[in-house]
Amino acid sequence: MPGGGEVEAVIHAYLTKRYPALANLKADTPLLADGLIDSLGVLELVTFMSERFDFEIEDSDFDGGNLANLDSLVRFVVERKPI
């Protein structure tokens, strides 16, 4: 399993490729607050992360705190990755 730096690089690459408006994505760029990612995009993002980093999605994972910005996404994945 990759470390936090690699997790960040993978998620950053996914987001900037999938959403050209995020070309200047920073760790604290709000993803949901400004509507940069809609509800379908959230589902796609969480599915991507669960498949890429090998963890199961739970209903509680769809929490705004987990999905607020790149930092929170990385923290979410690192906390969920299998031991």
N, C-alpha and C. Protein backbone atom coordinates (compact mmCIF):
# COMPACT_ATOMS: atom_id res chain seq x y z
N MET A 1 0.84 -1.19 0.00
CA MET A 1 0.00 0.00 0.00
C MET A 1 0.87 1.24 0.00
N PRO A 2 0.60 2.17 -0.85
CA PRO A 2 1.40 3.39 -0.90
C PRO A 2 1.25 4.22 0.37
N GLY A 3 2.25 5.04 0.64
CA GLY A 3 2.19 5.95 1.78
C GLY A 3 1.37 7.18 1.44
N GLY A 4 1.25 8.10 2.40
CA GLY A 4 0.44 9.30 2.22
C GLY A 4 0.84 10.13 1.01
N GLY A 5 2.15 10.26 0.76
CA GLY A 5 2.61 11.05 -0.38
C GLY A 5 2.19 10.44 -1.71
N GLU A 6 2.28 9.13 -1.79
CA GLU A 6 1.86 8.46 -3.03
C GLU A 6 0.35 8.49 -3.18
N VAL A 7 -0.36 8.34 -2.06
CA VAL A 7 -1.82 8.44 -2.09
C VAL A 7 -2.22 9.81 -2.62
N GLU A 8 -1.59 10.85 -2.11
CA GLU A 8 -1.89 12.21 -2.56
C GLU A 8 -1.62 12.36 -4.05
N ALA A 9 -0.50 11.84 -4.53
CA ALA A 9 -0.15 11.96 -5.95
C ALA A 9 -1.18 11.25 -6.83
N VAL A 10 -1.63 10.08 -6.42
CA VAL A 10 -2.59 9.31 -7.20
C VAL A 10 -3.94 10.03 -7.26
N ILE A 11 -4.42 10.51 -6.10
CA ILE A 11 -5.70 11.20 -6.06
C ILE A 11 -5.62 12.53 -6.82
N HIS A 12 -4.53 13.24 -6.65
CA HIS A 12 -4.34 14.51 -7.37
C HIS A 12 -4.39 14.28 -8.87
N ALA A 13 -3.69 13.27 -9.34
CA ALA A 13 -3.67 12.96 -10.78
C ALA A 13 -5.07 12.61 -11.28
N TYR A 14 -5.80 11.81 -10.51
CA TYR A 14 -7.16 11.44 -10.89
C TYR A 14 -8.04 12.69 -11.01
N LEU A 15 -8.02 13.52 -9.98
CA LEU A 15 -8.89 14.70 -9.95
C LEU A 15 -8.56 15.69 -11.07
N THR A 16 -7.30 15.94 -11.31
CA THR A 16 -6.94 16.93 -12.33
C THR A 16 -7.19 16.41 -13.74
N LYS A 17 -7.11 15.10 -13.91
CA LYS A 17 -7.42 14.53 -15.23
C LYS A 17 -8.94 14.50 -15.45
N ARG A 18 -9.68 14.09 -14.44
CA ARG A 18 -11.13 13.95 -14.54
C ARG A 18 -11.85 15.30 -14.58
N TYR A 19 -11.29 16.28 -13.87
CA TYR A 19 -11.92 17.61 -13.75
C TYR A 19 -10.91 18.68 -14.16
N PRO A 20 -10.88 19.05 -15.43
CA PRO A 20 -9.93 20.06 -15.91
C PRO A 20 -9.98 21.38 -15.12
N ALA A 21 -11.12 21.70 -14.53
CA ALA A 21 -11.24 22.93 -13.74
C ALA A 21 -10.36 22.87 -12.48
N LEU A 22 -9.89 21.69 -12.13
CA LEU A 22 -9.04 21.51 -10.96
C LEU A 22 -7.55 21.50 -11.33
N ALA A 23 -7.21 22.06 -12.45
CA ALA A 23 -5.82 22.05 -12.91
C ALA A 23 -4.86 22.64 -11.88
N ASN A 24 -5.32 23.61 -11.10
CA ASN A 24 -4.48 24.23 -10.07
C ASN A 24 -4.83 23.73 -8.68
N LEU A 25 -5.23 22.48 -8.58
CA LEU A 25 -5.66 21.89 -7.32
C LEU A 25 -4.57 21.97 -6.25
N LYS A 26 -4.96 22.46 -5.10
CA LYS A 26 -4.07 22.51 -3.94
C LYS A 26 -4.68 21.63 -2.86
N ALA A 27 -3.91 21.34 -1.83
CA ALA A 27 -4.35 20.44 -0.77
C ALA A 27 -5.62 20.91 -0.09
N ASP A 28 -5.84 22.23 -0.03
CA ASP A 28 -7.00 22.76 0.68
C ASP A 28 -8.08 23.33 -0.24
N THR A 29 -8.00 23.07 -1.53
CA THR A 29 -9.03 23.53 -2.47
C THR A 29 -10.35 22.85 -2.14
N PRO A 30 -11.41 23.61 -1.85
CA PRO A 30 -12.72 23.00 -1.56
C PRO A 30 -13.26 22.28 -2.80
N LEU A 31 -13.62 21.03 -2.64
CA LEU A 31 -14.12 20.25 -3.78
C LEU A 31 -15.63 20.26 -3.86
N LEU A 32 -16.30 20.25 -2.72
CA LEU A 32 -17.75 20.17 -2.71
C LEU A 32 -18.41 21.53 -2.54
N ALA A 33 -17.81 22.38 -1.74
CA ALA A 33 -18.42 23.67 -1.40
C ALA A 33 -18.68 24.54 -2.63
N ASP A 34 -17.79 24.51 -3.58
CA ASP A 34 -17.94 25.33 -4.78
C ASP A 34 -18.59 24.57 -5.93
N GLY A 35 -19.05 23.37 -5.66
CA GLY A 35 -19.71 22.58 -6.69
C GLY A 35 -18.77 22.06 -7.76
N LEU A 36 -17.49 21.98 -7.45
CA LEU A 36 -16.53 21.49 -8.43
C LEU A 36 -16.77 20.01 -8.75
N ILE A 37 -17.24 19.27 -7.75
CA ILE A 37 -17.57 17.86 -7.94
C ILE A 37 -19.02 17.67 -7.52
N ASP A 38 -19.86 17.13 -8.42
CA ASP A 38 -21.27 16.90 -8.10
C ASP A 38 -21.45 15.53 -7.46
N SER A 39 -22.69 15.15 -7.17
CA SER A 39 -22.96 13.90 -6.46
C SER A 39 -22.49 12.67 -7.24
N LEU A 40 -22.65 12.67 -8.55
CA LEU A 40 -22.17 11.55 -9.36
C LEU A 40 -20.64 11.50 -9.31
N GLY A 41 -20.02 12.67 -9.36
CA GLY A 41 -18.56 12.74 -9.26
C GLY A 41 -18.05 12.22 -7.94
N VAL A 42 -18.78 12.49 -6.85
CA VAL A 42 -18.40 11.98 -5.53
C VAL A 42 -18.43 10.46 -5.55
N LEU A 43 -19.49 9.90 -6.11
CA LEU A 43 -19.60 8.44 -6.20
C LEU A 43 -18.45 7.86 -7.02
N GLU A 44 -18.14 8.48 -8.15
CA GLU A 44 -17.03 8.01 -8.99
C GLU A 44 -15.70 8.11 -8.24
N LEU A 45 -15.50 9.21 -7.52
CA LEU A 45 -14.25 9.41 -6.78
C LEU A 45 -14.09 8.37 -5.68
N VAL A 46 -15.12 8.14 -4.89
CA VAL A 46 -15.03 7.17 -3.80
C VAL A 46 -14.84 5.76 -4.36
N THR A 47 -15.52 5.46 -5.46
CA THR A 47 -15.34 4.15 -6.11
C THR A 47 -13.90 4.00 -6.60
N PHE A 48 -13.37 5.02 -7.26
CA PHE A 48 -11.98 4.99 -7.71
C PHE A 48 -11.03 4.72 -6.54
N MET A 49 -11.19 5.48 -5.45
CA MET A 49 -10.28 5.34 -4.31
C MET A 49 -10.40 3.95 -3.69
N SER A 50 -11.62 3.43 -3.56
CA SER A 50 -11.78 2.11 -2.94
C SER A 50 -11.16 1.02 -3.80
N GLU A 51 -11.28 1.13 -5.12
CA GLU A 51 -10.69 0.13 -6.01
C GLU A 51 -9.17 0.28 -6.07
N ARG A 52 -8.70 1.51 -6.18
CA ARG A 52 -7.26 1.75 -6.31
C ARG A 52 -6.49 1.40 -5.03
N PHE A 53 -7.12 1.69 -3.87
CA PHE A 53 -6.42 1.50 -2.60
C PHE A 53 -6.96 0.32 -1.81
N ASP A 54 -7.86 -0.46 -2.42
CA ASP A 54 -8.32 -1.74 -1.90
C ASP A 54 -8.97 -1.65 -0.52
N PHE A 55 -10.09 -0.94 -0.46
CA PHE A 55 -10.90 -0.95 0.75
C PHE A 55 -12.38 -0.91 0.36
N GLU A 56 -13.23 -1.34 1.29
CA GLU A 56 -14.67 -1.38 1.05
C GLU A 56 -15.30 -0.03 1.35
N ILE A 57 -16.28 0.35 0.55
CA ILE A 57 -17.04 1.58 0.77
C ILE A 57 -18.18 1.28 1.74
N GLU A 58 -18.38 2.18 2.69
CA GLU A 58 -19.50 2.10 3.61
C GLU A 58 -20.32 3.38 3.46
N ASP A 59 -21.58 3.33 3.85
CA ASP A 59 -22.44 4.52 3.75
C ASP A 59 -21.83 5.71 4.47
N SER A 60 -21.21 5.46 5.60
CA SER A 60 -20.63 6.55 6.39
C SER A 60 -19.44 7.21 5.69
N ASP A 61 -18.90 6.58 4.66
CA ASP A 61 -17.77 7.16 3.92
C ASP A 61 -18.16 8.40 3.13
N PHE A 62 -19.45 8.52 2.82
CA PHE A 62 -19.92 9.66 2.04
C PHE A 62 -20.21 10.84 2.96
N ASP A 63 -19.20 11.22 3.69
CA ASP A 63 -19.28 12.31 4.65
C ASP A 63 -18.52 13.51 4.09
N GLY A 64 -19.11 14.69 4.19
CA GLY A 64 -18.47 15.89 3.66
C GLY A 64 -17.08 16.11 4.23
N GLY A 65 -16.85 15.70 5.47
CA GLY A 65 -15.53 15.85 6.07
C GLY A 65 -14.47 14.99 5.40
N ASN A 66 -14.87 13.84 4.89
CA ASN A 66 -13.93 12.96 4.19
C ASN A 66 -13.62 13.45 2.79
N LEU A 67 -14.52 14.24 2.23
CA LEU A 67 -14.45 14.59 0.82
C LEU A 67 -14.25 16.09 0.57
N ALA A 68 -13.94 16.84 1.59
CA ALA A 68 -13.89 18.29 1.49
C ALA A 68 -12.79 18.81 0.58
N ASN A 69 -11.61 18.21 0.64
CA ASN A 69 -10.47 18.68 -0.14
C ASN A 69 -9.45 17.55 -0.29
N LEU A 70 -8.37 17.82 -0.97
CA LEU A 70 -7.36 16.78 -1.21
C LEU A 70 -6.78 16.26 0.10
N ASP A 71 -6.50 17.14 1.04
CA ASP A 71 -5.97 16.70 2.34
C ASP A 71 -6.91 15.70 3.02
N SER A 72 -8.20 16.01 3.05
CA SER A 72 -9.14 15.12 3.72
C SER A 72 -9.29 13.80 2.98
N LEU A 73 -9.20 13.83 1.65
CA LEU A 73 -9.25 12.58 0.88
C LEU A 73 -8.06 11.68 1.20
N VAL A 74 -6.88 12.27 1.28
CA VAL A 74 -5.67 11.50 1.60
C VAL A 74 -5.79 10.91 3.00
N ARG A 75 -6.20 11.71 3.96
CA ARG A 75 -6.36 11.24 5.34
C ARG A 75 -7.38 10.10 5.38
N PHE A 76 -8.49 10.24 4.66
CA PHE A 76 -9.52 9.22 4.59
C PHE A 76 -8.95 7.90 4.08
N VAL A 77 -8.21 7.93 2.99
CA VAL A 77 -7.65 6.71 2.41
C VAL A 77 -6.63 6.09 3.35
N VAL A 78 -5.74 6.90 3.91
CA VAL A 78 -4.70 6.37 4.79
C VAL A 78 -5.32 5.71 6.02
N GLU A 79 -6.40 6.28 6.55
CA GLU A 79 -7.09 5.69 7.70
C GLU A 79 -7.83 4.41 7.34
N ARG A 80 -8.28 4.28 6.10
CA ARG A 80 -9.08 3.12 5.68
C ARG A 80 -8.26 1.97 5.10
N LYS A 81 -7.04 2.25 4.70
CA LYS A 81 -6.29 1.18 4.00
C LYS A 81 -6.06 0.00 4.93
N PRO A 82 -6.09 -1.20 4.37
CA PRO A 82 -5.90 -2.41 5.17
C PRO A 82 -4.53 -2.45 5.83
N ILE A 83 -4.51 -3.06 7.00
CA ILE A 83 -3.24 -3.19 7.75
C ILE A 83 -2.47 -4.37 7.21
